[in-house]
C-alpha atoms as a PDB file:
ATOM      1  CA  UNK A   1       2.716 142.058  92.762  1.00  0.00           C
ATOM      2  CA  UNK A   2       5.055 144.902  93.760  1.00  0.00           C
ATOM      3  CA  UNK A   3       8.490 144.599  92.148  1.00  0.00           C
ATOM      4  CA  UNK A   4      11.404 147.012  92.612  1.00  0.00           C
ATOM      5  CA  UNK A   5      14.632 147.306  90.627  1.00  0.00           C
ATOM      6  CA  UNK A   6      17.532 148.518  92.786  1.00  0.00           C
ATOM      7  CA  UNK A   7      20.447 149.832  90.694  1.00  0.00           C
ATOM      8  CA  UNK A   8      23.722 150.943  92.232  1.00  0.00           C
ATOM      9  CA  UNK A   9      26.398 153.221  90.719  1.00  0.00           C
ATOM     10  CA  UNK A  10      28.871 151.627  88.251  1.00  0.00           C
ATOM     11  CA  UNK A  11      31.432 150.728  90.922  1.00  0.00           C
ATOM     12  CA  UNK A  12      28.755 148.651  92.699  1.00  0.00           C
ATOM     13  CA  UNK A  13      26.773 147.516  89.620  1.00  0.00           C
ATOM     14  CA  UNK A  14      27.193 143.849  90.601  1.00  0.00           C
ATOM     15  CA  UNK A  15      24.894 144.509  93.574  1.00  0.00           C
ATOM     16  CA  UNK A  16      21.922 145.404  91.342  1.00  0.00           C
ATOM     17  CA  UNK A  17      18.832 143.480  92.474  1.00  0.00           C
ATOM     18  CA  UNK A  18      15.165 142.877  91.685  1.00  0.00           C
ATOM     19  CA  UNK A  19      12.990 142.409  94.769  1.00  0.00           C
ATOM     20  CA  UNK A  20       9.362 141.268  94.554  1.00  0.00           C
ATOM     21  CA  UNK A  21       6.673 140.015  96.906  1.00  0.00           C
ATOM     22  CA  UNK A  22       2.892 140.224  97.155  1.00  0.00           C
ATOM     23  CA  UNK A  23       3.107 142.385 100.300  1.00  0.00           C
ATOM     24  CA  UNK A  24       6.323 144.285  99.515  1.00  0.00           C
ATOM     25  CA  UNK A  25       6.613 147.839 100.820  1.00  0.00           C
ATOM     26  CA  UNK A  26       9.321 150.477 100.488  1.00  0.00           C
ATOM     27  CA  UNK A  27       9.978 152.759 103.451  1.00  0.00           C
ATOM     28  CA  UNK A  28      12.625 155.295 104.414  1.00  0.00           C
ATOM     29  CA  UNK A  29      13.827 155.196 108.012  1.00  0.00           C
ATOM     30  CA  UNK A  30      16.388 157.875 108.723  1.00  0.00           C
ATOM     31  CA  UNK A  31      19.205 157.306 106.222  1.00  0.00           C
ATOM     32  CA  UNK A  32      18.046 153.803 105.252  1.00  0.00           C
ATOM     33  CA  UNK A  33      15.765 152.537 102.469  1.00  0.00           C
ATOM     34  CA  UNK A  34      14.021 149.354 103.523  1.00  0.00           C
ATOM     35  CA  UNK A  35      12.073 146.836 101.434  1.00  0.00           C
ATOM     36  CA  UNK A  36       9.905 144.646 103.672  1.00  0.00           C
ATOM     37  CA  UNK A  37       7.256 141.979 103.315  1.00  0.00           C
ATOM     38  CA  UNK A  38       4.897 140.315 105.798  1.00  0.00           C
ATOM     39  CA  UNK A  39       7.873 138.636 107.516  1.00  0.00           C
ATOM     40  CA  UNK A  40       9.766 141.915 108.024  1.00  0.00           C
ATOM     41  CA  UNK A  41      12.703 143.636 106.296  1.00  0.00           C
ATOM     42  CA  UNK A  42      14.144 141.658 103.390  1.00  0.00           C
ATOM     43  CA  UNK A  43      16.503 144.187 101.745  1.00  0.00           C
ATOM     44  CA  UNK A  44      17.936 147.398 103.178  1.00  0.00           C
ATOM     45  CA  UNK A  45      20.681 149.807 102.185  1.00  0.00           C
ATOM     46  CA  UNK A  46      21.833 153.291 103.184  1.00  0.00           C
ATOM     47  CA  UNK A  47      20.679 156.252 101.124  1.00  0.00           C
ATOM     48  CA  UNK A  48      24.350 157.188 100.759  1.00  0.00           C
ATOM     49  CA  UNK A  49      24.870 154.084  98.590  1.00  0.00           C
ATOM     50  CA  UNK A  50      23.616 156.130  95.644  1.00  0.00           C
ATOM     51  CA  UNK A  51      21.130 153.500  94.469  1.00  0.00           C
ATOM     52  CA  UNK A  52      18.243 154.257  92.140  1.00  0.00           C
ATOM     53  CA  UNK A  53      15.052 152.425  93.137  1.00  0.00           C
ATOM     54  CA  UNK A  54      12.407 151.977  90.443  1.00  0.00           C
ATOM     55  CA  UNK A  55       9.061 150.230  90.794  1.00  0.00           C
ATOM     56  CA  UNK A  56       8.841 147.988  87.728  1.00  0.00           C
ATOM     57  CA  UNK A  57       5.724 145.882  88.253  1.00  0.00           C
ATOM     58  CA  UNK A  58       2.694 146.301  86.059  1.00  0.00           C
ATOM     59  CA  UNK A  59       0.178 148.377  87.975  1.00  0.00           C
ATOM     60  CA  UNK A  60      -3.511 148.051  87.070  1.00  0.00           C
ATOM     61  CA  UNK A  61      -4.985 150.907  85.112  1.00  0.00           C
ATOM     62  CA  UNK A  62      -7.620 152.944  86.915  1.00  0.00           C
END
């Protein structure tokens, strides 16, 4: 299951989030990063927010 850790700079650290869903995708649309599932966007933020997005799920070995 895809899982992303979204970490913001220290002044916004309280907004850090973990987002996961079986059909979760990460896309960039203009200046926005968008996490979406089968129902549509579920978490979005501007690139200027300075967040670091890391995929943290366990991916199967090939």
